[in-house]
Amino acid sequence: MTRATLPAEARLHRPSEFAAALKGRRVARGAFFVVSATPAAPTAEQTACARLGLVIAKRYAPRAVTRNALKRVIREAFRARRLALPAQDYVVRLQSKVAPASLTELKRAARAEVDAHFGRIAR
């Protein structure tokens, strides 16, 4: 069984990569997040694989603790399903203001939504 990790080649790094993925089609939308995707372009040294980018805006989650928790939850959900996803560049964007709740409740709700999005995409 292959180990589910999140290496550097499985993340989007350049603004041009984010822009291309955000211009792609919207593959999932929920209460918190919108997931956009575009086909991944393989480079000379690697084959195409699923890659992740995150856009968690300060205006929707003003506290750094909240933003960091959401990013950790999304990365963990992606890491668990990365090998089952089609080879595309995915950008998960926070689309609405985060309601005041405990961090545990927020993480639980975010993980459920992101798991549902990635599960739907993997089918």
PDB file of N, CA and C in Angstrom:
ATOM      1  N   MET A   1       0.846  -1.184   0.000  1.00  0.00           N
ATOM      2  CA  MET A   1       0.000   0.000   0.000  1.00  0.00           C
ATOM      3  C   MET A   1       0.885   1.238   0.000  1.00  0.00           C
ATOM      4  N   THR A   2       0.541   2.216  -0.822  1.00  0.00           N
ATOM      5  CA  THR A   2       1.298   3.444  -0.929  1.00  0.00           C
ATOM      6  C   THR A   2       0.966   4.357   0.245  1.00  0.00           C
ATOM      7  N   ARG A   3       2.000   4.990   0.756  1.00  0.00           N
ATOM      8  CA  ARG A   3       1.821   5.900   1.875  1.00  0.00           C
ATOM      9  C   ARG A   3       1.190   7.201   1.402  1.00  0.00           C
ATOM     10  N   ALA A   4       0.194   7.689   2.108  1.00  0.00           N
ATOM     11  CA  ALA A   4      -0.479   8.928   1.726  1.00  0.00           C
ATOM     12  C   ALA A   4       0.251  10.102   2.365  1.00  0.00           C
ATOM     13  N   THR A   5       1.083  10.762   1.576  1.00  0.00           N
ATOM     14  CA  THR A   5       1.814  11.927   2.056  1.00  0.00           C
ATOM     15  C   THR A   5       1.425  13.137   1.224  1.00  0.00           C
ATOM     16  N   LEU A   6       1.946  14.275   1.594  1.00  0.00           N
ATOM     17  CA  LEU A   6       1.690  15.493   0.831  1.00  0.00           C
ATOM     18  C   LEU A   6       3.026  16.150   0.493  1.00  0.00           C
ATOM     19  N   PRO A   7       3.708  15.616  -0.536  1.00  0.00           N
ATOM     20  CA  PRO A   7       5.005  16.176  -0.920  1.00  0.00           C
ATOM     21  C   PRO A   7       4.843  17.532  -1.608  1.00  0.00           C
ATOM     22  N   ALA A   8       5.953  18.206  -1.806  1.00  0.00           N
ATOM     23  CA  ALA A   8       5.936  19.541  -2.424  1.00  0.00           C
ATOM     24  C   ALA A   8       5.343  19.517  -3.824  1.00  0.00           C
ATOM     25  N   GLU A   9       5.537  18.424  -4.566  1.00  0.00           N
ATOM     26  CA  GLU A   9       4.985  18.364  -5.923  1.00  0.00           C
ATOM     27  C   GLU A   9       3.471  18.173  -5.938  1.00  0.00           C
ATOM     28  N   ALA A  10       2.860  17.971  -4.789  1.00  0.00           N
ATOM     29  CA  ALA A  10       1.405  17.824  -4.701  1.00  0.00           C
ATOM     30  C   ALA A  10       0.729  19.122  -4.251  1.00  0.00           C
ATOM     31  N   ARG A  11       1.489  20.222  -4.260  1.00  0.00           N
ATOM     32  CA  ARG A  11       0.931  21.518  -3.862  1.00  0.00           C
ATOM     33  C   ARG A  11       1.154  22.532  -4.978  1.00  0.00           C
ATOM     34  N   LEU A  12       0.252  23.497  -5.055  1.00  0.00           N
ATOM     35  CA  LEU A  12       0.423  24.607  -5.995  1.00  0.00           C
ATOM     36  C   LEU A  12       1.315  25.640  -5.319  1.00  0.00           C
ATOM     37  N   HIS A  13       2.261  26.214  -6.080  1.00  0.00           N
ATOM     38  CA  HIS A  13       3.201  27.153  -5.490  1.00  0.00           C
ATOM     39  C   HIS A  13       3.136  28.549  -6.122  1.00  0.00           C
ATOM     40  N   ARG A  14       2.997  28.623  -7.424  1.00  0.00           N
ATOM     41  CA  ARG A  14       3.089  29.896  -8.135  1.00  0.00           C
ATOM     42  C   ARG A  14       1.713  30.546  -8.291  1.00  0.00           C
ATOM     43  N   PRO A  15       1.675  31.886  -8.279  1.00  0.00           N
ATOM     44  CA  PRO A  15       0.400  32.582  -8.511  1.00  0.00           C
ATOM     45  C   PRO A  15      -0.238  32.207  -9.846  1.00  0.00           C
ATOM     46  N   SER A  16       0.570  31.931 -10.867  1.00  0.00           N
ATOM     47  CA  SER A  16       0.009  31.549 -12.166  1.00  0.00           C
ATOM     48  C   SER A  16      -0.717  30.207 -12.077  1.00  0.00           C
ATOM     49  N   GLU A  17      -0.227  29.295 -11.245  1.00  0.00           N
ATOM     50  CA  GLU A  17      -0.896  27.999 -11.063  1.00  0.00           C
ATOM     51  C   GLU A  17      -2.243  28.186 -10.365  1.00  0.00           C
ATOM     52  N   PHE A  18      -2.266  29.058  -9.353  1.00  0.00           N
ATOM     53  CA  PHE A  18      -3.530  29.355  -8.667  1.00  0.00           C
ATOM     54  C   PHE A  18      -4.519  30.002  -9.626  1.00  0.00           C
ATOM     55  N   ALA A  19      -4.053  30.969 -10.403  1.00  0.00           N
ATOM     56  CA  ALA A  19      -4.935  31.677 -11.337  1.00  0.00           C
ATOM     57  C   ALA A  19      -5.531  30.722 -12.362  1.00  0.00           C
ATOM     58  N   ALA A  20      -4.712  29.827 -12.889  1.00  0.00           N
ATOM     59  CA  ALA A  20      -5.216  28.868 -13.880  1.00  0.00           C
ATOM     60  C   ALA A  20      -6.266  27.948 -13.261  1.00  0.00           C
ATOM     61  N   ALA A  21      -6.019  27.488 -12.048  1.00  0.00           N
ATOM     62  CA  ALA A  21      -6.977  26.588 -11.398  1.00  0.00           C
ATOM     63  C   ALA A  21      -8.266  27.321 -11.045  1.00  0.00           C
ATOM     64  N   LEU A  22      -8.165  28.581 -10.623  1.00  0.00           N
ATOM     65  CA  LEU A  22      -9.369  29.343 -10.287  1.00  0.00           C
ATOM     66  C   LEU A  22     -10.189  29.681 -11.527  1.00  0.00           C
ATOM     67  N   LYS A  23      -9.541  29.786 -12.689  1.00  0.00           N
ATOM     68  CA  LYS A  23     -10.270  30.024 -13.942  1.00  0.00           C
ATOM     69  C   LYS A  23     -10.934  28.761 -14.461  1.00  0.00           C
ATOM     70  N   GLY A  24     -10.506  27.615 -13.967  1.00  0.00           N
ATOM     71  CA  GLY A  24     -11.084  26.336 -14.382  1.00  0.00           C
ATOM     72  C   GLY A  24     -12.510  26.204 -13.886  1.00  0.00           C
ATOM     73  N   ARG A  25     -13.065  25.051 -14.130  1.00  0.00           N
ATOM     74  CA  ARG A  25     -14.462  24.869 -13.740  1.00  0.00           C
ATOM     75  C   ARG A  25     -14.601  24.613 -12.250  1.00  0.00           C
ATOM     76  N   ARG A  26     -15.742  25.018 -11.707  1.00  0.00           N
ATOM     77  CA  ARG A  26     -16.050  24.790 -10.296  1.00  0.00           C
ATOM     78  C   ARG A  26     -16.605  23.381 -10.174  1.00  0.00           C
ATOM     79  N   VAL A  27     -15.918  22.523  -9.411  1.00  0.00           N
ATOM     80  CA  VAL A  27     -16.327  21.128  -9.322  1.00  0.00           C
ATOM     81  C   VAL A  27     -17.157  20.818  -8.085  1.00  0.00           C
ATOM     82  N   ALA A  28     -17.111  21.688  -7.074  1.00  0.00           N
ATOM     83  CA  ALA A  28     -17.906  21.457  -5.867  1.00  0.00           C
ATOM     84  C   ALA A  28     -18.125  22.784  -5.154  1.00  0.00           C
ATOM     85  N   ARG A  29     -19.259  22.888  -4.505  1.00  0.00           N
ATOM     86  CA  ARG A  29     -19.583  24.084  -3.733  1.00  0.00           C
ATOM     87  C   ARG A  29     -20.403  23.673  -2.528  1.00  0.00           C
ATOM     88  N   GLY A  30     -20.060  24.234  -1.370  1.00  0.00           N
ATOM     89  CA  GLY A  30     -20.775  23.921  -0.147  1.00  0.00           C
ATOM     90  C   GLY A  30     -20.987  25.168   0.688  1.00  0.00           C
ATOM     91  N   ALA A  31     -21.304  24.971   1.963  1.00  0.00           N
ATOM     92  CA  ALA A  31     -21.565  26.084   2.856  1.00  0.00           C
ATOM     93  C   ALA A  31     -20.314  26.913   3.119  1.00  0.00           C
ATOM     94  N   PHE A  32     -19.154  26.270   3.224  1.00  0.00           N
ATOM     95  CA  PHE A  32     -17.908  26.965   3.511  1.00  0.00           C
ATOM     96  C   PHE A  32     -17.030  27.170   2.283  1.00  0.00           C
ATOM     97  N   PHE A  33     -16.886  26.140   1.455  1.00  0.00           N
ATOM     98  CA  PHE A  33     -15.834  26.106   0.451  1.00  0.00           C
ATOM     99  C   PHE A  33     -16.348  25.956  -0.974  1.00  0.00           C
ATOM    100  N   VAL A  34     -15.548  26.473  -1.919  1.00  0.00           N
ATOM    101  CA  VAL A  34     -15.736  26.245  -3.345  1.00  0.00           C
ATOM    102  C   VAL A  34     -14.465  25.574  -3.834  1.00  0.00           C
ATOM    103  N   VAL A  35     -14.607  24.485  -4.589  1.00  0.00           N
ATOM    104  CA  VAL A  35     -13.451  23.777  -5.131  1.00  0.00           C
ATOM    105  C   VAL A  35     -13.449  23.972  -6.640  1.00  0.00           C
ATOM    106  N   SER A  36     -12.357  24.560  -7.145  1.00  0.00           N
ATOM    107  CA  SER A  36     -12.171  24.748  -8.583  1.00  0.00           C
ATOM    108  C   SER A  36     -11.062  23.826  -9.053  1.00  0.00           C
ATOM    109  N   ALA A  37     -11.131  23.405 -10.310  1.00  0.00           N
ATOM    110  CA  ALA A  37     -10.121  22.476 -10.827  1.00  0.00           C
ATOM    111  C   ALA A  37      -9.836  22.755 -12.287  1.00  0.00           C
ATOM    112  N   THR A  38      -8.620  22.421 -12.676  1.00  0.00           N
ATOM    113  CA  THR A  38      -8.188  22.468 -14.060  1.00  0.00           C
ATOM    114  C   THR A  38      -7.225  21.305 -14.277  1.00  0.00           C
ATOM    115  N   PRO A  39      -7.158  20.738 -15.477  1.00  0.00           N
ATOM    116  CA  PRO A  39      -6.247  19.607 -15.701  1.00  0.00           C
ATOM    117  C   PRO A  39      -4.804  19.980 -15.376  1.00  0.00           C
ATOM    118  N   ALA A  40      -4.120  19.091 -14.690  1.00  0.00           N
ATOM    119  CA  ALA A  40      -2.725  19.318 -14.309  1.00  0.00           C
ATOM    120  C   ALA A  40      -1.830  19.096 -15.517  1.00  0.00           C
ATOM    121  N   ALA A  41      -0.863  19.977 -15.679  1.00  0.00           N
ATOM    122  CA  ALA A  41       0.096  19.845 -16.775  1.00  0.00           C
ATOM    123  C   ALA A  41       1.349  19.156 -16.243  1.00  0.00           C
ATOM    124  N   PRO A  42       1.683  17.974 -16.770  1.00  0.00           N
ATOM    125  CA  PRO A  42       2.894  17.305 -16.295  1.00  0.00           C
ATOM    126  C   PRO A  42       4.137  18.047 -16.751  1.00  0.00           C
ATOM    127  N   THR A  43       5.127  18.111 -15.881  1.00  0.00           N
ATOM    128  CA  THR A  43       6.399  18.731 -16.247  1.00  0.00           C
ATOM    129  C   THR A  43       7.353  17.650 -16.719  1.00  0.00           C
ATOM    130  N   ALA A  44       8.538  18.044 -17.147  1.00  0.00           N
ATOM    131  CA  ALA A  44       9.500  17.089 -17.691  1.00  0.00           C
ATOM    132  C   ALA A  44       9.954  16.068 -16.659  1.00  0.00           C
ATOM    133  N   GLU A  45      10.090  16.486 -15.395  1.00  0.00           N
ATOM    134  CA  GLU A  45      10.628  15.583 -14.386  1.00  0.00           C
ATOM    135  C   GLU A  45       9.571  14.794 -13.613  1.00  0.00           C
ATOM    136  N   GLN A  46       8.301  15.111 -13.780  1.00  0.00           N
ATOM    137  CA  GLN A  46       7.279  14.388 -13.033  1.00  0.00           C
ATOM    138  C   GLN A  46       6.043  14.147 -13.885  1.00  0.00           C
ATOM    139  N   THR A  47       5.272  13.155 -13.496  1.00  0.00           N
ATOM    140  CA  THR A  47       4.018  12.881 -14.173  1.00  0.00           C
ATOM    141  C   THR A  47       2.918  13.722 -13.531  1.00  0.00           C
ATOM    142  N   ALA A  48       1.792  13.816 -14.199  1.00  0.00           N
ATOM    143  CA  ALA A  48       0.679  14.593 -13.674  1.00  0.00           C
ATOM    144  C   ALA A  48       0.107  13.911 -12.442  1.00  0.00           C
ATOM    145  N   CYS A  49      -0.185  14.696 -11.420  1.00  0.00           N
ATOM    146  CA  CYS A  49      -0.805  14.176 -10.207  1.00  0.00           C
ATOM    147  C   CYS A  49      -1.748  15.247  -9.671  1.00  0.00           C
ATOM    148  N   ALA A  50      -2.588  14.878  -8.734  1.00  0.00           N
ATOM    149  CA  ALA A  50      -3.489  15.829  -8.106  1.00  0.00           C
ATOM    150  C   ALA A  50      -2.674  16.784  -7.243  1.00  0.00           C
ATOM    151  N   ARG A  51      -2.913  18.087  -7.420  1.00  0.00           N
ATOM    152  CA  ARG A  51      -2.202  19.100  -6.637  1.00  0.00           C
ATOM    153  C   ARG A  51      -3.218  20.019  -5.967  1.00  0.00           C
ATOM    154  N   LEU A  52      -2.857  20.553  -4.807  1.00  0.00           N
ATOM    155  CA  LEU A  52      -3.778  21.341  -3.987  1.00  0.00           C
ATOM    156  C   LEU A  52      -3.259  22.753  -3.771  1.00  0.00           C
ATOM    157  N   GLY A  53      -4.182  23.712  -3.824  1.00  0.00           N
ATOM    158  CA  GLY A  53      -3.912  25.092  -3.449  1.00  0.00           C
ATOM    159  C   GLY A  53      -5.035  25.552  -2.530  1.00  0.00           C
ATOM    160  N   LEU A  54      -4.703  26.414  -1.584  1.00  0.00           N
ATOM    161  CA  LEU A  54      -5.688  26.894  -0.611  1.00  0.00           C
ATOM    162  C   LEU A  54      -5.775  28.414  -0.658  1.00  0.00           C
ATOM    163  N   VAL A  55      -7.003  28.926  -0.617  1.00  0.00           N
ATOM    164  CA  VAL A  55      -7.239  30.357  -0.522  1.00  0.00           C
ATOM    165  C   VAL A  55      -8.203  30.563   0.639  1.00  0.00           C
ATOM    166  N   ILE A  56      -7.647  30.962   1.774  1.00  0.00           N
ATOM    167  CA  ILE A  56      -8.444  31.202   2.973  1.00  0.00           C
ATOM    168  C   ILE A  56      -8.285  32.687   3.312  1.00  0.00           C
ATOM    169  N   ALA A  57      -9.252  33.489   2.909  1.00  0.00           N
ATOM    170  CA  ALA A  57      -9.144  34.941   3.018  1.00  0.00           C
ATOM    171  C   ALA A  57      -9.366  35.431   4.440  1.00  0.00           C
ATOM    172  N   LYS A  58      -8.626  36.474   4.779  1.00  0.00           N
ATOM    173  CA  LYS A  58      -8.720  37.063   6.116  1.00  0.00           C
ATOM    174  C   LYS A  58     -10.088  37.718   6.336  1.00  0.00           C
ATOM    175  N   ARG A  59     -10.725  38.180   5.272  1.00  0.00           N
ATOM    176  CA  ARG A  59     -12.021  38.832   5.470  1.00  0.00           C
ATOM    177  C   ARG A  59     -13.107  37.833   5.870  1.00  0.00           C
ATOM    178  N   TYR A  60     -12.947  36.552   5.522  1.00  0.00           N
ATOM    179  CA  TYR A  60     -13.928  35.537   5.898  1.00  0.00           C
ATOM    180  C   TYR A  60     -13.564  34.825   7.193  1.00  0.00           C
ATOM    181  N   ALA A  61     -12.285  34.775   7.527  1.00  0.00           N
ATOM    182  CA  ALA A  61     -11.824  34.161   8.772  1.00  0.00           C
ATOM    183  C   ALA A  61     -10.787  35.105   9.377  1.00  0.00           C
ATOM    184  N   PRO A  62     -11.218  36.104  10.160  1.00  0.00           N
ATOM    185  CA  PRO A  62     -10.299  37.141  10.615  1.00  0.00           C
ATOM    186  C   PRO A  62      -9.204  36.661  11.584  1.00  0.00           C
ATOM    187  N   ARG A  63      -9.448  35.604  12.312  1.00  0.00           N
ATOM    188  CA  ARG A  63      -8.452  35.131  13.277  1.00  0.00           C
ATOM    189  C   ARG A  63      -7.484  34.138  12.617  1.00  0.00           C
ATOM    190  N   ALA A  64      -6.206  34.341  12.854  1.00  0.00           N
ATOM    191  CA  ALA A  64      -5.176  33.475  12.273  1.00  0.00           C
ATOM    192  C   ALA A  64      -5.346  32.031  12.737  1.00  0.00           C
ATOM    193  N   VAL A  65      -5.781  31.844  13.962  1.00  0.00           N
ATOM    194  CA  VAL A  65      -5.986  30.489  14.488  1.00  0.00           C
ATOM    195  C   VAL A  65      -7.030  29.755  13.656  1.00  0.00           C
ATOM    196  N   THR A  66      -8.082  30.451  13.292  1.00  0.00           N
ATOM    197  CA  THR A  66      -9.150  29.859  12.480  1.00  0.00           C
ATOM    198  C   THR A  66      -8.643  29.525  11.084  1.00  0.00           C
ATOM    199  N   ARG A  67      -7.937  30.458  10.458  1.00  0.00           N
ATOM    200  CA  ARG A  67      -7.406  30.213   9.111  1.00  0.00           C
ATOM    201  C   ARG A  67      -6.457  29.022   9.101  1.00  0.00           C
ATOM    202  N   ASN A  68      -5.553  28.964  10.062  1.00  0.00           N
ATOM    203  CA  ASN A  68      -4.590  27.863  10.121  1.00  0.00           C
ATOM    204  C   ASN A  68      -5.274  26.528  10.380  1.00  0.00           C
ATOM    205  N   ALA A  69      -6.290  26.516  11.228  1.00  0.00           N
ATOM    206  CA  ALA A  69      -7.017  25.272  11.503  1.00  0.00           C
ATOM    207  C   ALA A  69      -7.725  24.776  10.246  1.00  0.00           C
ATOM    208  N   LEU A  70      -8.350  25.693   9.503  1.00  0.00           N
ATOM    209  CA  LEU A  70      -9.029  25.304   8.266  1.00  0.00           C
ATOM    210  C   LEU A  70      -8.032  24.746   7.253  1.00  0.00           C
ATOM    211  N   LYS A  71      -6.882  25.376   7.132  1.00  0.00           N
ATOM    212  CA  LYS A  71      -5.866  24.885   6.197  1.00  0.00           C
ATOM    213  C   LYS A  71      -5.382  23.493   6.577  1.00  0.00           C
ATOM    214  N   ARG A  72      -5.158  23.269   7.865  1.00  0.00           N
ATOM    215  CA  ARG A  72      -4.706  21.939   8.311  1.00  0.00           C
ATOM    216  C   ARG A  72      -5.741  20.875   7.999  1.00  0.00           C
ATOM    217  N   VAL A  73      -7.006  21.183   8.237  1.00  0.00           N
ATOM    218  CA  VAL A  73      -8.086  20.229   7.991  1.00  0.00           C
ATOM    219  C   VAL A  73      -8.190  19.906   6.500  1.00  0.00           C
ATOM    220  N   ILE A  74      -8.110  20.922   5.651  1.00  0.00           N
ATOM    221  CA  ILE A  74      -8.216  20.703   4.207  1.00  0.00           C
ATOM    222  C   ILE A  74      -7.030  19.891   3.696  1.00  0.00           C
ATOM    223  N   ARG A  75      -5.821  20.247   4.136  1.00  0.00           N
ATOM    224  CA  ARG A  75      -4.632  19.497   3.704  1.00  0.00           C
ATOM    225  C   ARG A  75      -4.713  18.036   4.126  1.00  0.00           C
ATOM    226  N   GLU A  76      -5.192  17.778   5.324  1.00  0.00           N
ATOM    227  CA  GLU A  76      -5.297  16.400   5.805  1.00  0.00           C
ATOM    228  C   GLU A  76      -6.328  15.614   4.988  1.00  0.00           C
ATOM    229  N   ALA A  77      -7.459  16.232   4.673  1.00  0.00           N
ATOM    230  CA  ALA A  77      -8.478  15.564   3.858  1.00  0.00           C
ATOM    231  C   ALA A  77      -7.943  15.281   2.458  1.00  0.00           C
ATOM    232  N   PHE A  78      -7.225  16.239   1.878  1.00  0.00           N
ATOM    233  CA  PHE A  78      -6.646  16.044   0.550  1.00  0.00           C
ATOM    234  C   PHE A  78      -5.583  14.950   0.580  1.00  0.00           C
ATOM    235  N   ARG A  79      -4.733  14.973   1.600  1.00  0.00           N
ATOM    236  CA  ARG A  79      -3.673  13.975   1.738  1.00  0.00           C
ATOM    237  C   ARG A  79      -4.248  12.570   1.770  1.00  0.00           C
ATOM    238  N   ALA A  80      -5.357  12.403   2.464  1.00  0.00           N
ATOM    239  CA  ALA A  80      -5.963  11.081   2.590  1.00  0.00           C
ATOM    240  C   ALA A  80      -6.537  10.571   1.269  1.00  0.00           C
ATOM    241  N   ARG A  81      -6.972  11.474   0.380  1.00  0.00           N
ATOM    242  CA  ARG A  81      -7.617  11.069  -0.878  1.00  0.00           C
ATOM    243  C   ARG A  81      -6.821  11.397  -2.127  1.00  0.00           C
ATOM    244  N   ARG A  82      -5.642  11.943  -1.983  1.00  0.00           N
ATOM    245  CA  ARG A  82      -4.865  12.443  -3.121  1.00  0.00           C
ATOM    246  C   ARG A  82      -4.656  11.400  -4.206  1.00  0.00           C
ATOM    247  N   LEU A  83      -4.363  10.182  -3.835  1.00  0.00           N
ATOM    248  CA  LEU A  83      -4.065   9.150  -4.828  1.00  0.00           C
ATOM    249  C   LEU A  83      -5.314   8.679  -5.575  1.00  0.00           C
ATOM    250  N   ALA A  84      -6.493   8.889  -5.008  1.00  0.00           N
ATOM    251  CA  ALA A  84      -7.742   8.482  -5.662  1.00  0.00           C
ATOM    252  C   ALA A  84      -8.320   9.579  -6.554  1.00  0.00           C
ATOM    253  N   LEU A  85      -7.833  10.810  -6.420  1.00  0.00           N
ATOM    254  CA  LEU A  85      -8.374  11.927  -7.195  1.00  0.00           C
ATOM    255  C   LEU A  85      -7.792  11.951  -8.605  1.00  0.00           C
ATOM    256  N   PRO A  86      -8.569  12.454  -9.573  1.00  0.00           N
ATOM    257  CA  PRO A  86      -8.030  12.627 -10.930  1.00  0.00           C
ATOM    258  C   PRO A  86      -6.868  13.623 -10.921  1.00  0.00           C
ATOM    259  N   ALA A  87      -5.960  13.490 -11.883  1.00  0.00           N
ATOM    260  CA  ALA A  87      -4.775  14.351 -11.963  1.00  0.00           C
ATOM    261  C   ALA A  87      -5.181  15.738 -12.414  1.00  0.00           C
ATOM    262  N   GLN A  88      -5.541  16.571 -11.464  1.00  0.00           N
ATOM    263  CA  GLN A  88      -5.929  17.953 -11.730  1.00  0.00           C
ATOM    264  C   GLN A  88      -5.333  18.852 -10.662  1.00  0.00           C
ATOM    265  N   ASP A  89      -5.327  20.156 -10.943  1.00  0.00           N
ATOM    266  CA  ASP A  89      -4.943  21.152  -9.952  1.00  0.00           C
ATOM    267  C   ASP A  89      -6.220  21.631  -9.279  1.00  0.00           C
ATOM    268  N   TYR A  90      -6.299  21.483  -7.963  1.00  0.00           N
ATOM    269  CA  TYR A  90      -7.485  21.864  -7.197  1.00  0.00           C
ATOM    270  C   TYR A  90      -7.170  23.070  -6.329  1.00  0.00           C
ATOM    271  N   VAL A  91      -8.085  24.031  -6.305  1.00  0.00           N
ATOM    272  CA  VAL A  91      -7.982  25.157  -5.381  1.00  0.00           C
ATOM    273  C   VAL A  91      -9.240  25.151  -4.531  1.00  0.00           C
ATOM    274  N   VAL A  92      -9.047  25.068  -3.222  1.00  0.00           N
ATOM    275  CA  VAL A  92     -10.156  25.124  -2.272  1.00  0.00           C
ATOM    276  C   VAL A  92     -10.170  26.543  -1.726  1.00  0.00           C
ATOM    277  N   ARG A  93     -11.300  27.227  -1.909  1.00  0.00           N
ATOM    278  CA  ARG A  93     -11.423  28.627  -1.513  1.00  0.00           C
ATOM    279  C   ARG A  93     -12.549  28.779  -0.503  1.00  0.00           C
ATOM    280  N   LEU A  94     -12.247  29.480   0.593  1.00  0.00           N
ATOM    281  CA  LEU A  94     -13.282  29.805   1.576  1.00  0.00           C
ATOM    282  C   LEU A  94     -14.179  30.853   0.956  1.00  0.00           C
ATOM    283  N   GLN A  95     -15.495  30.620   0.965  1.00  0.00           N
ATOM    284  CA  GLN A  95     -16.396  31.514   0.244  1.00  0.00           C
ATOM    285  C   GLN A  95     -17.345  32.294   1.127  1.00  0.00           C
ATOM    286  N   SER A  96     -17.424  31.966   2.417  1.00  0.00           N
ATOM    287  CA  SER A  96     -18.356  32.684   3.278  1.00  0.00           C
ATOM    288  C   SER A  96     -17.732  32.907   4.646  1.00  0.00           C
ATOM    289  N   LYS A  97     -18.278  33.868   5.345  1.00  0.00           N
ATOM    290  CA  LYS A  97     -17.775  34.207   6.671  1.00  0.00           C
ATOM    291  C   LYS A  97     -17.980  33.032   7.620  1.00  0.00           C
ATOM    292  N   VAL A  98     -16.963  32.792   8.434  1.00  0.00           N
ATOM    293  CA  VAL A  98     -17.024  31.693   9.389  1.00  0.00           C
ATOM    294  C   VAL A  98     -17.830  32.154  10.604  1.00  0.00           C
ATOM    295  N   ALA A  99     -18.879  31.406  10.938  1.00  0.00           N
ATOM    296  CA  ALA A  99     -19.728  31.747  12.079  1.00  0.00           C
ATOM    297  C   ALA A  99     -18.969  31.512  13.386  1.00  0.00           C
ATOM    298  N   PRO A 100     -19.252  32.316  14.391  1.00  0.00           N
ATOM    299  CA  PRO A 100     -18.582  32.101  15.675  1.00  0.00           C
ATOM    300  C   PRO A 100     -18.983  30.748  16.267  1.00  0.00           C
ATOM    301  N   ALA A 101     -18.005  29.909  16.473  1.00  0.00           N
ATOM    302  CA  ALA A 101     -18.219  28.576  17.042  1.00  0.00           C
ATOM    303  C   ALA A 101     -16.897  28.139  17.646  1.00  0.00           C
ATOM    304  N   SER A 102     -16.937  27.069  18.399  1.00  0.00           N
ATOM    305  CA  SER A 102     -15.678  26.563  18.945  1.00  0.00           C
ATOM    306  C   SER A 102     -14.833  26.008  17.807  1.00  0.00           C
ATOM    307  N   LEU A 103     -13.548  25.993  18.019  1.00  0.00           N
ATOM    308  CA  LEU A 103     -12.629  25.512  16.985  1.00  0.00           C
ATOM    309  C   LEU A 103     -12.877  24.044  16.660  1.00  0.00           C
ATOM    310  N   THR A 104     -13.225  23.259  17.661  1.00  0.00           N
ATOM    311  CA  THR A 104     -13.513  21.840  17.445  1.00  0.00           C
ATOM    312  C   THR A 104     -14.723  21.658  16.541  1.00  0.00           C
ATOM    313  N   GLU A 105     -15.772  22.419  16.797  1.00  0.00           N
ATOM    314  CA  GLU A 105     -16.971  22.327  15.956  1.00  0.00           C
ATOM    315  C   GLU A 105     -16.678  22.773  14.530  1.00  0.00           C
ATOM    316  N   LEU A 106     -15.898  23.836  14.397  1.00  0.00           N
ATOM    317  CA  LEU A 106     -15.543  24.335  13.071  1.00  0.00           C
ATOM    318  C   LEU A 106     -14.730  23.312  12.297  1.00  0.00           C
ATOM    319  N   LYS A 107     -13.748  22.706  12.945  1.00  0.00           N
ATOM    320  CA  LYS A 107     -12.929  21.687  12.285  1.00  0.00           C
ATOM    321  C   LYS A 107     -13.775  20.502  11.852  1.00  0.00           C
ATOM    322  N   ARG A 108     -14.682  20.075  12.703  1.00  0.00           N
ATOM    323  CA  ARG A 108     -15.539  18.931  12.385  1.00  0.00           C
ATOM    324  C   ARG A 108     -16.421  19.234  11.177  1.00  0.00           C
ATOM    325  N   ALA A 109     -17.021  20.427  11.156  1.00  0.00           N
ATOM    326  CA  ALA A 109     -17.897  20.803  10.039  1.00  0.00           C
ATOM    327  C   ALA A 109     -17.088  20.959   8.751  1.00  0.00           C
ATOM    328  N   ALA A 110     -15.915  21.578   8.843  1.00  0.00           N
ATOM    329  CA  ALA A 110     -15.084  21.767   7.658  1.00  0.00           C
ATOM    330  C   ALA A 110     -14.606  20.429   7.111  1.00  0.00           C
ATOM    331  N   ARG A 111     -14.198  19.520   7.973  1.00  0.00           N
ATOM    332  CA  ARG A 111     -13.715  18.211   7.511  1.00  0.00           C
ATOM    333  C   ARG A 111     -14.835  17.430   6.827  1.00  0.00           C
ATOM    334  N   ALA A 112     -16.037  17.485   7.403  1.00  0.00           N
ATOM    335  CA  ALA A 112     -17.161  16.777   6.783  1.00  0.00           C
ATOM    336  C   ALA A 112     -17.441  17.327   5.383  1.00  0.00           C
ATOM    337  N   GLU A 113     -17.419  18.653   5.246  1.00  0.00           N
ATOM    338  CA  GLU A 113     -17.700  19.248   3.942  1.00  0.00           C
ATOM    339  C   GLU A 113     -16.597  18.929   2.932  1.00  0.00           C
ATOM    340  N   VAL A 114     -15.344  19.064   3.323  1.00  0.00           N
ATOM    341  CA  VAL A 114     -14.237  18.815   2.406  1.00  0.00           C
ATOM    342  C   VAL A 114     -14.181  17.336   2.018  1.00  0.00           C
ATOM    343  N   ASP A 115     -14.422  16.434   2.971  1.00  0.00           N
ATOM    344  CA  ASP A 115     -14.471  15.006   2.645  1.00  0.00           C
ATOM    345  C   ASP A 115     -15.577  14.721   1.622  1.00  0.00           C
ATOM    346  N   ALA A 116     -16.721  15.364   1.787  1.00  0.00           N
ATOM    347  CA  ALA A 116     -17.816  15.170   0.841  1.00  0.00           C
ATOM    348  C   ALA A 116     -17.419  15.681  -0.550  1.00  0.00           C
ATOM    349  N   HIS A 117     -16.767  16.843  -0.609  1.00  0.00           N
ATOM    350  CA  HIS A 117     -16.340  17.392  -1.903  1.00  0.00           C
ATOM    351  C   HIS A 117     -15.343  16.465  -2.587  1.00  0.00           C
ATOM    352  N   PHE A 118     -14.293  16.056  -1.874  1.00  0.00           N
ATOM    353  CA  PHE A 118     -13.273  15.205  -2.476  1.00  0.00           C
ATOM    354  C   PHE A 118     -13.828  13.815  -2.801  1.00  0.00           C
ATOM    355  N   GLY A 119     -14.760  13.320  -2.002  1.00  0.00           N
ATOM    356  CA  GLY A 119     -15.395  12.044  -2.298  1.00  0.00           C
ATOM    357  C   GLY A 119     -16.192  12.099  -3.583  1.00  0.00           C
ATOM    358  N   ARG A 120     -16.909  13.196  -3.786  1.00  0.00           N
ATOM    359  CA  ARG A 120     -17.689  13.386  -4.995  1.00  0.00           C
ATOM    360  C   ARG A 120     -16.785  13.514  -6.227  1.00  0.00           C
ATOM    361  N   ILE A 121     -15.658  14.203  -6.062  1.00  0.00           N
ATOM    362  CA  ILE A 121     -14.722  14.379  -7.166  1.00  0.00           C
ATOM    363  C   ILE A 121     -14.052  13.058  -7.529  1.00  0.00           C
ATOM    364  N   ALA A 122     -13.739  12.239  -6.522  1.00  0.00           N
ATOM    365  CA  ALA A 122     -13.025  10.980  -6.744  1.00  0.00           C
ATOM    366  C   ALA A 122     -13.882   9.951  -7.489  1.00  0.00           C
ATOM    367  N   ARG A 123     -15.200  10.070  -7.418  1.00  0.00           N
ATOM    368  CA  ARG A 123     -16.069   9.106  -8.097  1.00  0.00           C
ATOM    369  C   ARG A 123     -16.012   9.207  -9.574  1.00  0.00           C
TER     370      ARG A 123
END
